[in-house]
Amino acid sequence: MERQTLEKICEKIYKRFPEVSNKKPNVKEQPNGQYLLIFQGKGITPDGHTIPRTVRVVVNASGRIIKTSTSR
């Protein structure tokens, strides 16, 4: 995946999920020509506790986001 394409995808994810902001994703190439980007960060609950946050993004080779999922 090209660096510019990856940076544009990251900007979109950072805006939507600020708790993973400025975290570099783990990029895995899928057998069907798509890429899986895994962002990991930490969120803060209203009572001050931290919880891990994982955002998984599936994109095609041209950089179009196909699917986004998140877990806490």
PDB file of N, CA and C in Angstrom:
ATOM      1  N   MET A   1       0.843  -1.169   0.000  1.00  0.00           N
ATOM      2  CA  MET A   1       0.000   0.000   0.000  1.00  0.00           C
ATOM      3  C   MET A   1       0.891   1.236   0.000  1.00  0.00           C
ATOM      4  N   GLU A   2       0.492   2.224  -0.785  1.00  0.00           N
ATOM      5  CA  GLU A   2       1.286   3.443  -0.892  1.00  0.00           C
ATOM      6  C   GLU A   2       1.189   4.277   0.380  1.00  0.00           C
ATOM      7  N   ARG A   3       2.249   4.988   0.658  1.00  0.00           N
ATOM      8  CA  ARG A   3       2.334   5.784   1.876  1.00  0.00           C
ATOM      9  C   ARG A   3       1.256   6.878   1.916  1.00  0.00           C
ATOM     10  N   GLN A   4       1.036   7.563   0.789  1.00  0.00           N
ATOM     11  CA  GLN A   4       0.035   8.639   0.734  1.00  0.00           C
ATOM     12  C   GLN A   4      -1.365   8.104   0.985  1.00  0.00           C
ATOM     13  N   THR A   5      -1.664   6.948   0.416  1.00  0.00           N
ATOM     14  CA  THR A   5      -2.970   6.332   0.613  1.00  0.00           C
ATOM     15  C   THR A   5      -3.170   5.980   2.078  1.00  0.00           C
ATOM     16  N   LEU A   6      -2.157   5.406   2.693  1.00  0.00           N
ATOM     17  CA  LEU A   6      -2.225   5.041   4.105  1.00  0.00           C
ATOM     18  C   LEU A   6      -2.433   6.273   4.981  1.00  0.00           C
ATOM     19  N   GLU A   7      -1.758   7.375   4.674  1.00  0.00           N
ATOM     20  CA  GLU A   7      -1.898   8.602   5.457  1.00  0.00           C
ATOM     21  C   GLU A   7      -3.308   9.172   5.359  1.00  0.00           C
ATOM     22  N   LYS A   8      -3.923   9.116   4.182  1.00  0.00           N
ATOM     23  CA  LYS A   8      -5.285   9.621   4.014  1.00  0.00           C
ATOM     24  C   LYS A   8      -6.278   8.777   4.816  1.00  0.00           C
ATOM     25  N   ILE A   9      -6.088   7.466   4.802  1.00  0.00           N
ATOM     26  CA  ILE A   9      -6.956   6.584   5.568  1.00  0.00           C
ATOM     27  C   ILE A   9      -6.801   6.871   7.060  1.00  0.00           C
ATOM     28  N   CYS A  10      -5.566   7.029   7.502  1.00  0.00           N
ATOM     29  CA  CYS A  10      -5.308   7.308   8.918  1.00  0.00           C
ATOM     30  C   CYS A  10      -5.990   8.605   9.356  1.00  0.00           C
ATOM     31  N   GLU A  11      -5.948   9.643   8.529  1.00  0.00           N
ATOM     32  CA  GLU A  11      -6.592  10.906   8.872  1.00  0.00           C
ATOM     33  C   GLU A  11      -8.087  10.718   9.103  1.00  0.00           C
ATOM     34  N   LYS A  12      -8.729   9.933   8.246  1.00  0.00           N
ATOM     35  CA  LYS A  12     -10.163   9.682   8.392  1.00  0.00           C
ATOM     36  C   LYS A  12     -10.459   8.929   9.686  1.00  0.00           C
ATOM     37  N   ILE A  13      -9.633   7.938   9.998  1.00  0.00           N
ATOM     38  CA  ILE A  13      -9.839   7.139  11.211  1.00  0.00           C
ATOM     39  C   ILE A  13      -9.577   7.981  12.451  1.00  0.00           C
ATOM     40  N   TYR A  14      -8.547   8.824  12.423  1.00  0.00           N
ATOM     41  CA  TYR A  14      -8.230   9.664  13.574  1.00  0.00           C
ATOM     42  C   TYR A  14      -9.374  10.637  13.884  1.00  0.00           C
ATOM     43  N   LYS A  15     -10.040  11.144  12.853  1.00  0.00           N
ATOM     44  CA  LYS A  15     -11.167  12.056  13.068  1.00  0.00           C
ATOM     45  C   LYS A  15     -12.352  11.323  13.674  1.00  0.00           C
ATOM     46  N   ARG A  16     -12.591  10.112  13.228  1.00  0.00           N
ATOM     47  CA  ARG A  16     -13.745   9.350  13.704  1.00  0.00           C
ATOM     48  C   ARG A  16     -13.498   8.723  15.075  1.00  0.00           C
ATOM     49  N   PHE A  17     -12.255   8.301  15.330  1.00  0.00           N
ATOM     50  CA  PHE A  17     -11.903   7.639  16.591  1.00  0.00           C
ATOM     51  C   PHE A  17     -10.698   8.356  17.214  1.00  0.00           C
ATOM     52  N   PRO A  18     -10.914   9.458  17.937  1.00  0.00           N
ATOM     53  CA  PRO A  18      -9.789  10.240  18.472  1.00  0.00           C
ATOM     54  C   PRO A  18      -8.924   9.490  19.478  1.00  0.00           C
ATOM     55  N   GLU A  19      -9.447   8.421  20.111  1.00  0.00           N
ATOM     56  CA  GLU A  19      -8.631   7.695  21.081  1.00  0.00           C
ATOM     57  C   GLU A  19      -7.494   6.906  20.442  1.00  0.00           C
ATOM     58  N   VAL A  20      -7.508   6.713  19.122  1.00  0.00           N
ATOM     59  CA  VAL A  20      -6.387   6.050  18.447  1.00  0.00           C
ATOM     60  C   VAL A  20      -5.562   7.061  17.641  1.00  0.00           C
ATOM     61  N   SER A  21      -5.797   8.330  17.894  1.00  0.00           N
ATOM     62  CA  SER A  21      -5.124   9.391  17.165  1.00  0.00           C
ATOM     63  C   SER A  21      -3.605   9.273  17.302  1.00  0.00           C
ATOM     64  N   ASN A  22      -2.927   9.462  16.187  1.00  0.00           N
ATOM     65  CA  ASN A  22      -1.463   9.419  16.076  1.00  0.00           C
ATOM     66  C   ASN A  22      -0.859   8.052  16.387  1.00  0.00           C
ATOM     67  N   LYS A  23      -1.652   7.006  16.365  1.00  0.00           N
ATOM     68  CA  LYS A  23      -1.136   5.640  16.509  1.00  0.00           C
ATOM     69  C   LYS A  23      -0.984   5.050  15.108  1.00  0.00           C
ATOM     70  N   LYS A  24       0.160   4.508  14.813  1.00  0.00           N
ATOM     71  CA  LYS A  24       0.383   3.894  13.509  1.00  0.00           C
ATOM     72  C   LYS A  24      -0.287   2.519  13.472  1.00  0.00           C
ATOM     73  N   PRO A  25      -0.968   2.226  12.376  1.00  0.00           N
ATOM     74  CA  PRO A  25      -1.664   0.935  12.304  1.00  0.00           C
ATOM     75  C   PRO A  25      -0.734  -0.216  11.948  1.00  0.00           C
ATOM     76  N   ASN A  26      -1.159  -1.400  12.336  1.00  0.00           N
ATOM     77  CA  ASN A  26      -0.511  -2.626  11.910  1.00  0.00           C
ATOM     78  C   ASN A  26      -1.199  -3.013  10.601  1.00  0.00           C
ATOM     79  N   VAL A  27      -0.468  -3.066   9.494  1.00  0.00           N
ATOM     80  CA  VAL A  27      -1.055  -3.316   8.175  1.00  0.00           C
ATOM     81  C   VAL A  27      -0.792  -4.757   7.762  1.00  0.00           C
ATOM     82  N   LYS A  28      -1.874  -5.450   7.419  1.00  0.00           N
ATOM     83  CA  LYS A  28      -1.762  -6.836   6.952  1.00  0.00           C
ATOM     84  C   LYS A  28      -2.440  -6.948   5.596  1.00  0.00           C
ATOM     85  N   GLU A  29      -1.745  -7.542   4.642  1.00  0.00           N
ATOM     86  CA  GLU A  29      -2.335  -7.748   3.322  1.00  0.00           C
ATOM     87  C   GLU A  29      -3.189  -9.008   3.345  1.00  0.00           C
ATOM     88  N   GLN A  30      -4.384  -8.892   2.804  1.00  0.00           N
ATOM     89  CA  GLN A  30      -5.312 -10.011   2.747  1.00  0.00           C
ATOM     90  C   GLN A  30      -5.164 -10.723   1.399  1.00  0.00           C
ATOM     91  N   PRO A  31      -5.544 -11.992   1.312  1.00  0.00           N
ATOM     92  CA  PRO A  31      -5.376 -12.738   0.072  1.00  0.00           C
ATOM     93  C   PRO A  31      -6.215 -12.215  -1.103  1.00  0.00           C
ATOM     94  N   ASN A  32      -7.299 -11.495  -0.829  1.00  0.00           N
ATOM     95  CA  ASN A  32      -8.166 -11.007  -1.896  1.00  0.00           C
ATOM     96  C   ASN A  32      -7.767  -9.620  -2.408  1.00  0.00           C
ATOM     97  N   GLY A  33      -6.569  -9.157  -2.092  1.00  0.00           N
ATOM     98  CA  GLY A  33      -6.083  -7.865  -2.565  1.00  0.00           C
ATOM     99  C   GLY A  33      -6.483  -6.705  -1.672  1.00  0.00           C
ATOM    100  N   GLN A  34      -7.116  -6.979  -0.563  1.00  0.00           N
ATOM    101  CA  GLN A  34      -7.497  -5.941   0.386  1.00  0.00           C
ATOM    102  C   GLN A  34      -6.465  -5.878   1.502  1.00  0.00           C
ATOM    103  N   TYR A  35      -6.581  -4.830   2.318  1.00  0.00           N
ATOM    104  CA  TYR A  35      -5.661  -4.645   3.434  1.00  0.00           C
ATOM    105  C   TYR A  35      -6.454  -4.499   4.725  1.00  0.00           C
ATOM    106  N   LEU A  36      -5.920  -5.037   5.795  1.00  0.00           N
ATOM    107  CA  LEU A  36      -6.499  -4.905   7.127  1.00  0.00           C
ATOM    108  C   LEU A  36      -5.580  -4.009   7.945  1.00  0.00           C
ATOM    109  N   LEU A  37      -6.131  -2.909   8.446  1.00  0.00           N
ATOM    110  CA  LEU A  37      -5.383  -1.982   9.284  1.00  0.00           C
ATOM    111  C   LEU A  37      -5.931  -2.103  10.695  1.00  0.00           C
ATOM    112  N   ILE A  38      -5.047  -2.307  11.665  1.00  0.00           N
ATOM    113  CA  ILE A  38      -5.457  -2.452  13.054  1.00  0.00           C
ATOM    114  C   ILE A  38      -4.817  -1.329  13.875  1.00  0.00           C
ATOM    115  N   PHE A  39      -5.681  -0.468  14.407  1.00  0.00           N
ATOM    116  CA  PHE A  39      -5.250   0.634  15.262  1.00  0.00           C
ATOM    117  C   PHE A  39      -5.540   0.247  16.707  1.00  0.00           C
ATOM    118  N   GLN A  40      -4.602   0.543  17.610  1.00  0.00           N
ATOM    119  CA  GLN A  40      -4.826   0.257  19.022  1.00  0.00           C
ATOM    120  C   GLN A  40      -4.529   1.504  19.836  1.00  0.00           C
ATOM    121  N   GLY A  41      -5.437   1.790  20.759  1.00  0.00           N
ATOM    122  CA  GLY A  41      -5.284   2.956  21.615  1.00  0.00           C
ATOM    123  C   GLY A  41      -5.983   2.727  22.936  1.00  0.00           C
ATOM    124  N   LYS A  42      -6.142   3.798  23.691  1.00  0.00           N
ATOM    125  CA  LYS A  42      -6.815   3.700  24.992  1.00  0.00           C
ATOM    126  C   LYS A  42      -7.841   4.812  25.104  1.00  0.00           C
ATOM    127  N   GLY A  43      -9.020   4.438  25.615  1.00  0.00           N
ATOM    128  CA  GLY A  43     -10.071   5.400  25.871  1.00  0.00           C
ATOM    129  C   GLY A  43     -10.219   5.599  27.363  1.00  0.00           C
ATOM    130  N   ILE A  44     -10.883   6.676  27.730  1.00  0.00           N
ATOM    131  CA  ILE A  44     -11.098   6.977  29.143  1.00  0.00           C
ATOM    132  C   ILE A  44     -12.597   7.002  29.406  1.00  0.00           C
ATOM    133  N   THR A  45     -13.010   6.276  30.424  1.00  0.00           N
ATOM    134  CA  THR A  45     -14.414   6.240  30.811  1.00  0.00           C
ATOM    135  C   THR A  45     -14.767   7.500  31.594  1.00  0.00           C
ATOM    136  N   PRO A  46     -16.055   7.796  31.742  1.00  0.00           N
ATOM    137  CA  PRO A  46     -16.446   8.995  32.503  1.00  0.00           C
ATOM    138  C   PRO A  46     -15.944   9.007  33.954  1.00  0.00           C
ATOM    139  N   ASP A  47     -15.727   7.822  34.535  1.00  0.00           N
ATOM    140  CA  ASP A  47     -15.229   7.791  35.914  1.00  0.00           C
ATOM    141  C   ASP A  47     -13.705   7.750  36.004  1.00  0.00           C
ATOM    142  N   GLY A  48     -13.008   7.927  34.866  1.00  0.00           N
ATOM    143  CA  GLY A  48     -11.562   8.057  34.881  1.00  0.00           C
ATOM    144  C   GLY A  48     -10.759   6.806  34.586  1.00  0.00           C
ATOM    145  N   HIS A  49     -11.397   5.659  34.435  1.00  0.00           N
ATOM    146  CA  HIS A  49     -10.675   4.432  34.120  1.00  0.00           C
ATOM    147  C   HIS A  49     -10.302   4.397  32.637  1.00  0.00           C
ATOM    148  N   THR A  50      -9.212   3.707  32.326  1.00  0.00           N
ATOM    149  CA  THR A  50      -8.821   3.558  30.931  1.00  0.00           C
ATOM    150  C   THR A  50      -9.248   2.188  30.424  1.00  0.00           C
ATOM    151  N   ILE A  51      -9.653   2.163  29.160  1.00  0.00           N
ATOM    152  CA  ILE A  51     -10.024   0.903  28.535  1.00  0.00           C
ATOM    153  C   ILE A  51      -9.330   0.812  27.186  1.00  0.00           C
ATOM    154  N   PRO A  52      -8.876  -0.370  26.803  1.00  0.00           N
ATOM    155  CA  PRO A  52      -8.225  -0.509  25.495  1.00  0.00           C
ATOM    156  C   PRO A  52      -9.254  -0.354  24.375  1.00  0.00           C
ATOM    157  N   ARG A  53      -8.828   0.214  23.272  1.00  0.00           N
ATOM    158  CA  ARG A  53      -9.705   0.415  22.120  1.00  0.00           C
ATOM    159  C   ARG A  53      -8.972  -0.099  20.886  1.00  0.00           C
ATOM    160  N   THR A  54      -9.612  -0.983  20.138  1.00  0.00           N
ATOM    161  CA  THR A  54      -9.046  -1.519  18.906  1.00  0.00           C
ATOM    162  C   THR A  54      -9.983  -1.180  17.762  1.00  0.00           C
ATOM    163  N   VAL A  55      -9.440  -0.592  16.704  1.00  0.00           N
ATOM    164  CA  VAL A  55     -10.222  -0.258  15.521  1.00  0.00           C
ATOM    165  C   VAL A  55      -9.632  -1.041  14.355  1.00  0.00           C
ATOM    166  N   ARG A  56     -10.485  -1.839  13.706  1.00  0.00           N
ATOM    167  CA  ARG A  56     -10.067  -2.637  12.553  1.00  0.00           C
ATOM    168  C   ARG A  56     -10.714  -2.044  11.308  1.00  0.00           C
ATOM    169  N   VAL A  57      -9.899  -1.813  10.277  1.00  0.00           N
ATOM    170  CA  VAL A  57     -10.381  -1.193   9.048  1.00  0.00           C
ATOM    171  C   VAL A  57      -9.953  -2.058   7.870  1.00  0.00           C
ATOM    172  N   VAL A  58     -10.906  -2.393   7.018  1.00  0.00           N
ATOM    173  CA  VAL A  58     -10.614  -3.140   5.797  1.00  0.00           C
ATOM    174  C   VAL A  58     -10.702  -2.152   4.636  1.00  0.00           C
ATOM    175  N   VAL A  59      -9.633  -2.066   3.839  1.00  0.00           N
ATOM    176  CA  VAL A  59      -9.603  -1.158   2.693  1.00  0.00           C
ATOM    177  C   VAL A  59      -9.205  -1.929   1.443  1.00  0.00           C
ATOM    178  N   ASN A  60      -9.609  -1.403   0.277  1.00  0.00           N
ATOM    179  CA  ASN A  60      -9.176  -2.046  -0.959  1.00  0.00           C
ATOM    180  C   ASN A  60      -7.838  -1.449  -1.391  1.00  0.00           C
ATOM    181  N   ALA A  61      -7.305  -1.924  -2.490  1.00  0.00           N
ATOM    182  CA  ALA A  61      -5.976  -1.503  -2.934  1.00  0.00           C
ATOM    183  C   ALA A  61      -5.915  -0.017  -3.289  1.00  0.00           C
ATOM    184  N   SER A  62      -7.047   0.575  -3.681  1.00  0.00           N
ATOM    185  CA  SER A  62      -7.051   1.991  -4.040  1.00  0.00           C
ATOM    186  C   SER A  62      -7.264   2.899  -2.826  1.00  0.00           C
ATOM    187  N   GLY A  63      -7.494   2.321  -1.642  1.00  0.00           N
ATOM    188  CA  GLY A  63      -7.611   3.107  -0.429  1.00  0.00           C
ATOM    189  C   GLY A  63      -9.029   3.387   0.017  1.00  0.00           C
ATOM    190  N   ARG A  64     -10.004   2.792  -0.609  1.00  0.00           N
ATOM    191  CA  ARG A  64     -11.405   2.988  -0.218  1.00  0.00           C
ATOM    192  C   ARG A  64     -11.719   2.120   0.996  1.00  0.00           C
ATOM    193  N   ILE A  65     -12.298   2.735   2.028  1.00  0.00           N
ATOM    194  CA  ILE A  65     -12.656   1.993   3.237  1.00  0.00           C
ATOM    195  C   ILE A  65     -13.884   1.152   2.946  1.00  0.00           C
ATOM    196  N   ILE A  66     -13.759  -0.153   3.180  1.00  0.00           N
ATOM    197  CA  ILE A  66     -14.844  -1.092   2.925  1.00  0.00           C
ATOM    198  C   ILE A  66     -15.620  -1.367   4.210  1.00  0.00           C
ATOM    199  N   LYS A  67     -14.894  -1.573   5.300  1.00  0.00           N
ATOM    200  CA  LYS A  67     -15.535  -1.940   6.556  1.00  0.00           C
ATOM    201  C   LYS A  67     -14.712  -1.419   7.725  1.00  0.00           C
ATOM    202  N   THR A  68     -15.414  -0.956   8.770  1.00  0.00           N
ATOM    203  CA  THR A  68     -14.764  -0.498   9.995  1.00  0.00           C
ATOM    204  C   THR A  68     -15.469  -1.152  11.172  1.00  0.00           C
ATOM    205  N   SER A  69     -14.693  -1.689  12.093  1.00  0.00           N
ATOM    206  CA  SER A  69     -15.262  -2.251  13.313  1.00  0.00           C
ATOM    207  C   SER A  69     -14.378  -1.849  14.482  1.00  0.00           C
ATOM    208  N   THR A  70     -14.978  -1.830  15.658  1.00  0.00           N
ATOM    209  CA  THR A  70     -14.245  -1.419  16.843  1.00  0.00           C
ATOM    210  C   THR A  70     -14.619  -2.304  18.023  1.00  0.00           C
ATOM    211  N   SER A  71     -13.713  -2.431  18.947  1.00  0.00           N
ATOM    212  CA  SER A  71     -13.979  -3.193  20.159  1.00  0.00           C
ATOM    213  C   SER A  71     -13.366  -2.473  21.343  1.00  0.00           C
ATOM    214  N   ARG A  72     -13.904  -2.751  22.499  1.00  0.00           N
ATOM    215  CA  ARG A  72     -13.373  -2.158  23.725  1.00  0.00           C
ATOM    216  C   ARG A  72     -12.964  -3.235  24.659  1.00  0.00           C
TER     217      ARG A  72
END
